[in-house]
PDB file of N, CA and C in Angstrom:
ATOM      1  N   GLU A   1      99.838  51.376  65.246  1.00  0.00           N
ATOM      2  CA  GLU A   1     100.487  52.101  64.083  1.00  0.00           C
ATOM      3  C   GLU A   1     101.032  53.197  64.848  1.00  0.00           C
ATOM      4  N   ALA A   2     100.333  53.926  65.460  1.00  0.00           N
ATOM      5  CA  ALA A   2     100.714  55.403  65.817  1.00  0.00           C
ATOM      6  C   ALA A   2     101.935  55.061  66.850  1.00  0.00           C
ATOM      7  N   GLN A   3     101.865  54.041  67.810  1.00  0.00           N
ATOM      8  CA  GLN A   3     103.041  53.595  68.654  1.00  0.00           C
ATOM      9  C   GLN A   3     104.170  53.656  68.155  1.00  0.00           C
ATOM     10  N   ARG A   4     104.193  52.942  66.857  1.00  0.00           N
ATOM     11  CA  ARG A   4     105.541  52.701  65.728  1.00  0.00           C
ATOM     12  C   ARG A   4     105.784  53.913  65.453  1.00  0.00           C
ATOM     13  N   VAL A   5     104.972  54.823  64.958  1.00  0.00           N
ATOM     14  CA  VAL A   5     105.303  56.215  64.425  1.00  0.00           C
ATOM     15  C   VAL A   5     105.994  56.941  65.464  1.00  0.00           C
ATOM     16  N   VAL A   6     105.447  57.363  66.544  1.00  0.00           N
ATOM     17  CA  VAL A   6     105.798  58.013  67.711  1.00  0.00           C
ATOM     18  C   VAL A   6     107.250  57.543  68.086  1.00  0.00           C
ATOM     19  N   GLU A   7     107.665  56.089  68.462  1.00  0.00           N
ATOM     20  CA  GLU A   7     109.030  55.486  68.782  1.00  0.00           C
ATOM     21  C   GLU A   7     109.834  55.526  67.522  1.00  0.00           C
ATOM     22  N   ASN A   8     109.670  56.067  66.262  1.00  0.00           N
ATOM     23  CA  ASN A   8     110.600  56.246  65.105  1.00  0.00           C
ATOM     24  C   ASN A   8     110.960  57.504  65.446  1.00  0.00           C
ATOM     25  N   ILE A   9     110.490  58.757  66.329  1.00  0.00           N
ATOM     26  CA  ILE A   9     111.046  59.880  66.302  1.00  0.00           C
ATOM     27  C   ILE A   9     112.119  60.013  67.169  1.00  0.00           C
ATOM     28  N   PRO A  10     113.184  60.650  66.378  1.00  0.00           N
ATOM     29  CA  PRO A  10     114.274  60.832  67.273  1.00  0.00           C
ATOM     30  C   PRO A  10     114.669  61.179  68.556  1.00  0.00           C
ATOM     31  N   GLY A  11     115.233  60.793  69.502  1.00  0.00           N
ATOM     32  CA  GLY A  11     115.287  61.123  71.024  1.00  0.00           C
ATOM     33  C   GLY A  11     114.010  60.355  71.795  1.00  0.00           C
ATOM     34  N   VAL A  12     112.977  59.590  70.982  1.00  0.00           N
ATOM     35  CA  VAL A  12     112.044  58.988  71.812  1.00  0.00           C
ATOM     36  C   VAL A  12     112.283  57.412  72.058  1.00  0.00           C
ATOM     37  N   GLU A  13     112.433  56.694  73.044  1.00  0.00           N
ATOM     38  CA  GLU A  13     113.122  55.417  73.408  1.00  0.00           C
ATOM     39  C   GLU A  13     111.864  54.757  73.174  1.00  0.00           C
ATOM     40  N   ALA A  14     110.627  55.109  73.844  1.00  0.00           N
ATOM     41  CA  ALA A  14     109.591  54.026  73.952  1.00  0.00           C
ATOM     42  C   ALA A  14     108.201  54.973  73.964  1.00  0.00           C
ATOM     43  N   ALA A  15     107.205  54.401  73.474  1.00  0.00           N
ATOM     44  CA  ALA A  15     105.791  55.083  73.806  1.00  0.00           C
ATOM     45  C   ALA A  15     104.802  54.091  74.018  1.00  0.00           C
ATOM     46  N   ASP A  16     103.662  54.810  74.824  1.00  0.00           N
ATOM     47  CA  ASP A  16     102.493  53.974  75.306  1.00  0.00           C
ATOM     48  C   ASP A  16     101.241  54.604  74.946  1.00  0.00           C
ATOM     49  N   ILE A  17     100.897  54.268  74.040  1.00  0.00           N
ATOM     50  CA  ILE A  17      99.492  55.258  73.292  1.00  0.00           C
ATOM     51  C   ILE A  17      98.151  54.596  74.036  1.00  0.00           C
ATOM     52  N   GLU A  18      97.424  55.164  74.401  1.00  0.00           N
ATOM     53  CA  GLU A  18      96.038  54.859  75.175  1.00  0.00           C
ATOM     54  C   GLU A  18      95.082  55.865  74.525  1.00  0.00           C
ATOM     55  N   LEU A  19      94.027  55.191  74.008  1.00  0.00           N
ATOM     56  CA  LEU A  19      92.748  55.962  73.403  1.00  0.00           C
ATOM     57  C   LEU A  19      91.923  56.148  74.361  1.00  0.00           C
ATOM     58  N   VAL A  20      91.487  57.254  74.719  1.00  0.00           N
ATOM     59  CA  VAL A  20      90.453  57.581  75.783  1.00  0.00           C
ATOM     60  C   VAL A  20      89.470  58.330  74.943  1.00  0.00           C
ATOM     61  N   TRP A  21      87.953  58.172  75.456  1.00  0.00           N
ATOM     62  CA  TRP A  21      87.267  59.065  74.844  1.00  0.00           C
ATOM     63  C   TRP A  21      86.554  59.960  75.818  1.00  0.00           C
ATOM     64  N   GLU A  22      86.979  59.972  77.269  1.00  0.00           N
ATOM     65  CA  GLU A  22      86.278  61.014  78.206  1.00  0.00           C
ATOM     66  C   GLU A  22      87.364  61.602  79.033  1.00  0.00           C
ATOM     67  N   PRO A  23      87.453  62.832  78.958  1.00  0.00           N
ATOM     68  CA  PRO A  23      86.451  63.961  78.636  1.00  0.00           C
ATOM     69  C   PRO A  23      86.714  64.109  77.131  1.00  0.00           C
ATOM     70  N   PRO A  24      85.760  64.254  76.549  1.00  0.00           N
ATOM     71  CA  PRO A  24      86.031  64.870  75.016  1.00  0.00           C
ATOM     72  C   PRO A  24      87.389  65.751  74.696  1.00  0.00           C
ATOM     73  N   TRP A  25      87.910  65.714  73.816  1.00  0.00           N
ATOM     74  CA  TRP A  25      89.129  66.375  73.216  1.00  0.00           C
ATOM     75  C   TRP A  25      88.470  67.641  72.597  1.00  0.00           C
ATOM     76  N   ASN A  26      89.425  68.885  73.406  1.00  0.00           N
ATOM     77  CA  ASN A  26      89.136  69.897  72.738  1.00  0.00           C
ATOM     78  C   ASN A  26      90.456  70.751  72.391  1.00  0.00           C
ATOM     79  N   PRO A  27      90.743  72.115  71.492  1.00  0.00           N
ATOM     80  CA  PRO A  27      91.783  72.456  71.708  1.00  0.00           C
ATOM     81  C   PRO A  27      92.496  73.279  72.690  1.00  0.00           C
ATOM     82  N   ASN A  28      91.388  73.631  73.608  1.00  0.00           N
ATOM     83  CA  ASN A  28      92.144  73.997  75.082  1.00  0.00           C
ATOM     84  C   ASN A  28      92.884  73.106  75.964  1.00  0.00           C
ATOM     85  N   MET A  29      93.048  71.742  75.362  1.00  0.00           N
ATOM     86  CA  MET A  29      93.866  70.685  76.101  1.00  0.00           C
ATOM     87  C   MET A  29      95.285  70.724  75.424  1.00  0.00           C
ATOM     88  N   MET A  30      95.401  71.520  74.234  1.00  0.00           N
ATOM     89  CA  MET A  30      96.691  71.744  73.645  1.00  0.00           C
ATOM     90  C   MET A  30      97.706  72.349  74.692  1.00  0.00           C
ATOM     91  N   THR A  31      98.958  72.054  74.448  1.00  0.00           N
ATOM     92  CA  THR A  31     100.059  72.839  75.157  1.00  0.00           C
ATOM     93  C   THR A  31     100.139  74.045  74.264  1.00  0.00           C
ATOM     94  N   ASP A  32     100.737  75.341  74.758  1.00  0.00           N
ATOM     95  CA  ASP A  32     100.764  76.385  74.150  1.00  0.00           C
ATOM     96  C   ASP A  32     101.794  76.013  72.900  1.00  0.00           C
ATOM     97  N   GLU A  33     103.315  75.235  73.008  1.00  0.00           N
ATOM     98  CA  GLU A  33     103.609  75.192  72.176  1.00  0.00           C
ATOM     99  C   GLU A  33     102.961  74.421  70.982  1.00  0.00           C
ATOM    100  N   ALA A  34     102.186  73.394  71.148  1.00  0.00           N
ATOM    101  CA  ALA A  34     101.433  72.806  70.080  1.00  0.00           C
ATOM    102  C   ALA A  34     100.501  73.792  69.239  1.00  0.00           C
ATOM    103  N   LYS A  35      99.955  74.827  70.101  1.00  0.00           N
ATOM    104  CA  LYS A  35      99.171  75.663  69.343  1.00  0.00           C
ATOM    105  C   LYS A  35      99.714  76.906  68.453  1.00  0.00           C
ATOM    106  N   GLU A  36     101.067  76.881  68.850  1.00  0.00           N
ATOM    107  CA  GLU A  36     102.000  77.693  68.067  1.00  0.00           C
ATOM    108  C   GLU A  36     102.338  76.832  67.229  1.00  0.00           C
ATOM    109  N   ALA A  37     102.630  75.676  67.038  1.00  0.00           N
ATOM    110  CA  ALA A  37     103.218  74.929  65.875  1.00  0.00           C
ATOM    111  C   ALA A  37     102.101  74.895  64.982  1.00  0.00           C
ATOM    112  N   LEU A  38     100.846  74.829  65.259  1.00  0.00           N
ATOM    113  CA  LEU A  38      99.966  74.634  64.338  1.00  0.00           C
ATOM    114  C   LEU A  38      99.249  76.190  63.883  1.00  0.00           C
ATOM    115  N   ASN A  39      99.959  77.171  64.352  1.00  0.00           N
ATOM    116  CA  ASN A  39      99.411  78.327  64.160  1.00  0.00           C
ATOM    117  C   ASN A  39      97.863  78.962  64.806  1.00  0.00           C
ATOM    118  N   MET A  40      98.029  78.381  65.862  1.00  0.00           N
ATOM    119  CA  MET A  40      96.544  78.703  66.455  1.00  0.00           C
ATOM    120  C   MET A  40      96.686  79.661  67.251  1.00  0.00           C
TER     121      MET A  40
END
């Protein structure tokens, strides 16, 4: 479902979703733009 949602975003032609568990995600992995968008 995530792939379908992403592919429906204007300007996105295709998406490949791969779930990974290592390394564990943390907020330091976010881009500055993502942090700004989420007021972090």
